[in-house]
Amino acid sequence: MAHPLDRLRQDITGCTLCAGRFATTATRHAPRPVAWFRPGAQVLVAGQAPGLRVHQSGIPFDDRSGDRLRDWMGIGRDTFYDQSRVAVIPMAFCFPGYDAKGSDLPPPPICAETWHPRLMQALGEVRLILLVGGYAHRWHMGTRANVTETVAGWRDHAPRVFPLPHPSWRNTGWLKKNPWFEADLLPDLKARVSEVLDD
């Protein structure tokens, strides 16, 4: 009998709910959901949405942002991409596209509304949740605070939940303005990732 996660992955991979929406973007692309999870995963990376490169490769965080995220976690690609250990569940499974100015469009809310309640229930009680970026903060934590305030309060949620900024290289300035992130949060995050994955 198939595990509920396996059935959900098949359903998500075949989803075309946003086909009409994506056809009107500057990229005029077709849906390509990137569903990356398996039963038994103990670390959940809740991101924003795939970028263009991930849309093309079908592999989550297969870009410079992913390199930075894996560095924050203190793990390599082999561990990160072991779906039985690390699940990647963004707020939207498809690349949302670009607007006319070439900027990333936000993840369509219909994606999380459609899939996340069932998916989180089927995933079960994971030991560590990394909330990557403001969209994930708001959905999982119900917060209305900005990213800096949410991440600064990380001790209130550790060791199970770590709110993080998005690892995009566009946020390099944010990291320079907030040196406590690398000095205080990341050592605890790396230790927790190691503890969960090494058990």
Protein backbone atom coordinates (compact mmCIF):
# COMPACT_ATOMS: atom_id res chain seq x y z
CA MET A 1 0.00 0.00 0.00
CA ALA A 2 1.41 3.37 -1.03
CA HIS A 3 2.38 5.85 1.69
CA PRO A 4 0.21 9.02 1.70
CA LEU A 5 3.33 11.07 0.93
CA ASP A 6 4.01 9.04 -2.19
CA ARG A 7 0.45 9.59 -3.43
CA LEU A 8 0.65 13.30 -2.65
CA ARG A 9 3.96 13.62 -4.50
CA GLN A 10 2.36 12.11 -7.60
CA ASP A 11 -0.64 14.44 -7.31
CA ILE A 12 1.54 17.53 -6.81
CA THR A 13 3.85 16.61 -9.68
CA GLY A 14 0.83 16.46 -11.99
CA CYS A 15 -0.74 19.72 -10.76
CA THR A 16 -1.67 22.31 -13.43
CA LEU A 17 -3.77 24.66 -11.27
CA CYS A 18 -1.65 27.67 -12.21
CA ALA A 19 -1.22 26.98 -15.94
CA GLY A 20 -3.33 29.98 -16.91
CA ARG A 21 -1.57 32.24 -14.40
CA PHE A 22 1.90 31.25 -15.61
CA ALA A 23 0.91 31.74 -19.27
CA THR A 24 0.34 35.45 -18.56
CA THR A 25 3.76 36.06 -16.95
CA ALA A 26 6.77 37.47 -18.79
CA THR A 27 8.25 33.96 -18.93
CA ARG A 28 5.04 32.34 -20.29
CA HIS A 29 6.10 28.99 -18.88
CA ALA A 30 4.17 25.82 -18.16
CA PRO A 31 3.85 24.43 -14.63
CA ARG A 32 6.62 22.13 -13.46
CA PRO A 33 6.04 21.29 -9.79
CA VAL A 34 9.18 20.29 -7.89
CA ALA A 35 8.05 17.90 -5.14
CA TRP A 36 11.06 16.75 -3.09
CA PHE A 37 10.20 14.56 -0.10
CA ARG A 38 9.94 10.96 1.03
CA PRO A 39 8.55 9.19 4.10
CA GLY A 40 10.90 9.31 7.08
CA ALA A 41 12.45 12.75 6.53
CA GLN A 42 13.35 14.40 9.84
CA VAL A 43 14.40 17.83 8.50
CA LEU A 44 11.92 20.04 6.67
CA VAL A 45 13.18 22.95 4.59
CA ALA A 46 10.18 25.21 3.95
CA GLY A 47 11.22 27.62 1.23
CA GLN A 48 9.56 30.14 -1.02
CA ALA A 49 9.28 28.84 -4.61
CA PRO A 50 11.60 27.44 -7.25
CA GLY A 51 13.59 29.91 -9.31
CA LEU A 52 14.15 29.62 -13.05
CA ARG A 53 17.20 27.37 -12.70
CA VAL A 54 15.31 24.98 -10.41
CA HIS A 55 12.37 25.07 -12.83
CA GLN A 56 14.76 23.89 -15.54
CA SER A 57 16.61 21.25 -13.48
CA GLY A 58 13.73 19.95 -11.35
CA ILE A 59 16.08 19.91 -8.33
CA PRO A 60 15.29 22.24 -5.40
CA PHE A 61 17.91 24.79 -4.34
CA ASP A 62 20.05 23.77 -7.31
CA ASP A 63 21.59 27.24 -7.45
CA ARG A 64 23.77 29.69 -5.52
CA SER A 65 21.03 30.14 -2.94
CA GLY A 66 21.17 26.41 -2.30
CA ASP A 67 24.94 26.52 -1.90
CA ARG A 68 24.53 29.19 0.76
CA LEU A 69 21.69 27.32 2.51
CA ARG A 70 23.71 24.10 2.66
CA ASP A 71 26.63 26.08 4.09
CA TRP A 72 24.30 27.50 6.76
CA MET A 73 23.17 23.96 7.58
CA GLY A 74 26.70 22.56 7.56
CA ILE A 75 25.89 19.72 5.14
CA GLY A 76 26.83 18.76 1.61
CA ARG A 77 24.72 18.05 -1.45
CA ASP A 78 24.60 14.29 -0.85
CA THR A 79 22.95 14.73 2.54
CA PHE A 80 20.73 17.63 1.48
CA TYR A 81 19.35 15.71 -1.49
CA ASP A 82 18.65 12.50 0.44
CA GLN A 83 14.86 12.81 0.39
CA SER A 84 14.47 10.22 3.13
CA ARG A 85 16.35 12.61 5.45
CA VAL A 86 15.59 16.13 4.18
CA ALA A 87 12.22 17.23 2.74
CA VAL A 88 12.01 20.45 0.71
CA ILE A 89 8.48 21.86 0.74
CA PRO A 90 8.20 25.43 -0.57
CA MET A 91 5.21 27.75 -0.40
CA ALA A 92 4.73 27.10 -4.11
CA PHE A 93 6.02 24.03 -5.92
CA CYS A 94 6.35 25.76 -9.29
CA PHE A 95 8.45 28.67 -10.53
CA PRO A 96 6.01 31.62 -10.34
CA GLY A 97 7.67 33.45 -13.23
CA TYR A 98 8.91 37.01 -13.72
CA ASP A 99 6.97 40.21 -14.07
CA ALA A 100 7.50 42.65 -16.96
CA LYS A 101 10.49 44.18 -15.13
CA GLY A 102 12.20 40.81 -14.68
CA SER A 103 11.48 40.52 -10.96
CA ASP A 104 10.39 37.29 -9.28
CA LEU A 105 6.65 36.98 -8.83
CA PRO A 106 5.44 35.84 -5.39
CA PRO A 107 4.37 32.25 -4.80
CA PRO A 108 0.67 31.92 -5.68
CA PRO A 109 -1.25 31.38 -2.40
CA ILE A 110 -3.44 28.72 -4.05
CA CYS A 111 -0.51 26.31 -4.00
CA ALA A 112 -0.06 26.25 -0.22
CA GLU A 113 -3.82 26.40 0.31
CA THR A 114 -4.31 23.35 -1.92
CA TRP A 115 -1.45 21.12 -0.83
CA HIS A 116 0.12 22.10 2.49
CA PRO A 117 -2.50 21.03 5.04
CA ARG A 118 -2.57 17.47 3.68
CA LEU A 119 1.15 17.41 3.08
CA MET A 120 2.12 18.54 6.57
CA GLN A 121 -0.26 15.98 8.07
CA ALA A 122 1.19 13.17 5.94
CA LEU A 123 4.76 14.25 6.69
CA GLY A 124 4.17 13.79 10.40
CA GLU A 125 6.25 15.08 13.30
CA VAL A 126 9.59 16.11 11.82
CA ARG A 127 12.33 16.98 14.32
CA LEU A 128 13.62 20.14 12.65
CA ILE A 129 11.91 22.78 10.51
CA LEU A 130 13.83 25.51 8.68
CA LEU A 131 11.55 28.34 7.59
CA VAL A 132 13.33 30.07 4.72
CA GLY A 133 12.06 33.59 3.98
CA GLY A 134 9.06 35.69 4.85
CA TYR A 135 6.42 33.66 2.99
CA ALA A 136 7.35 30.54 4.97
CA HIS A 137 7.46 32.53 8.22
CA ARG A 138 3.96 33.84 7.69
CA TRP A 139 2.39 30.51 6.69
CA HIS A 140 4.02 28.29 9.30
CA MET A 141 4.25 30.74 12.20
CA GLY A 142 1.31 33.04 11.48
CA THR A 143 3.58 36.01 12.10
CA ARG A 144 3.08 39.48 10.67
CA ALA A 145 6.52 40.66 11.75
CA ASN A 146 9.16 41.42 9.14
CA VAL A 147 11.93 38.95 8.35
CA THR A 148 14.53 40.66 10.54
CA GLU A 149 12.27 40.67 13.60
CA THR A 150 11.21 37.07 13.04
CA VAL A 151 14.74 35.75 12.56
CA ALA A 152 16.02 37.80 15.52
CA GLY A 153 13.52 35.95 17.72
CA TRP A 154 14.83 32.54 16.66
CA ARG A 155 15.61 31.45 20.23
CA ASP A 156 11.88 31.51 20.99
CA HIS A 157 11.34 28.69 18.49
CA ALA A 158 14.56 26.63 18.63
CA PRO A 159 15.53 23.84 18.73
CA ARG A 160 12.69 22.52 16.54
CA VAL A 161 12.03 25.57 14.36
CA PHE A 162 14.59 28.00 12.92
CA PRO A 163 13.27 31.01 10.96
CA LEU A 164 15.89 32.07 8.41
CA PRO A 165 16.24 34.82 5.82
CA HIS A 166 16.20 33.69 2.21
CA PRO A 167 19.72 32.58 1.23
CA SER A 168 19.54 34.55 -2.03
CA TRP A 169 22.69 36.48 -2.86
CA ARG A 170 20.45 39.53 -2.98
CA ASN A 171 20.42 39.28 0.83
CA THR A 172 24.19 39.66 1.22
CA GLY A 173 23.61 43.23 2.41
CA TRP A 174 21.17 41.96 5.05
CA LEU A 175 23.78 39.53 6.37
CA LYS A 176 26.34 42.32 6.67
CA LYS A 177 23.85 44.49 8.58
CA ASN A 178 22.95 41.63 10.92
CA PRO A 179 26.23 39.95 11.94
CA TRP A 180 24.48 38.21 14.86
CA PHE A 181 22.90 35.84 12.34
CA GLU A 182 26.20 34.20 11.41
CA ALA A 183 27.77 34.64 14.86
CA ASP A 184 24.90 33.41 17.03
CA LEU A 185 22.21 31.59 15.04
CA LEU A 186 24.26 29.58 12.55
CA PRO A 187 26.41 27.68 15.09
CA ASP A 188 23.24 26.53 16.87
CA LEU A 189 21.58 25.66 13.56
CA LYS A 190 24.53 23.58 12.38
CA ALA A 191 24.69 21.76 15.70
CA ARG A 192 20.98 20.97 15.57
CA VAL A 193 21.12 19.77 11.95
CA SER A 194 24.03 17.50 12.84
CA GLU A 195 22.23 16.18 15.93
CA VAL A 196 19.06 15.33 13.98
CA LEU A 197 20.74 13.81 10.95
CA ASP A 198 23.36 11.83 12.86
CA ASP A 199 20.86 10.10 15.17
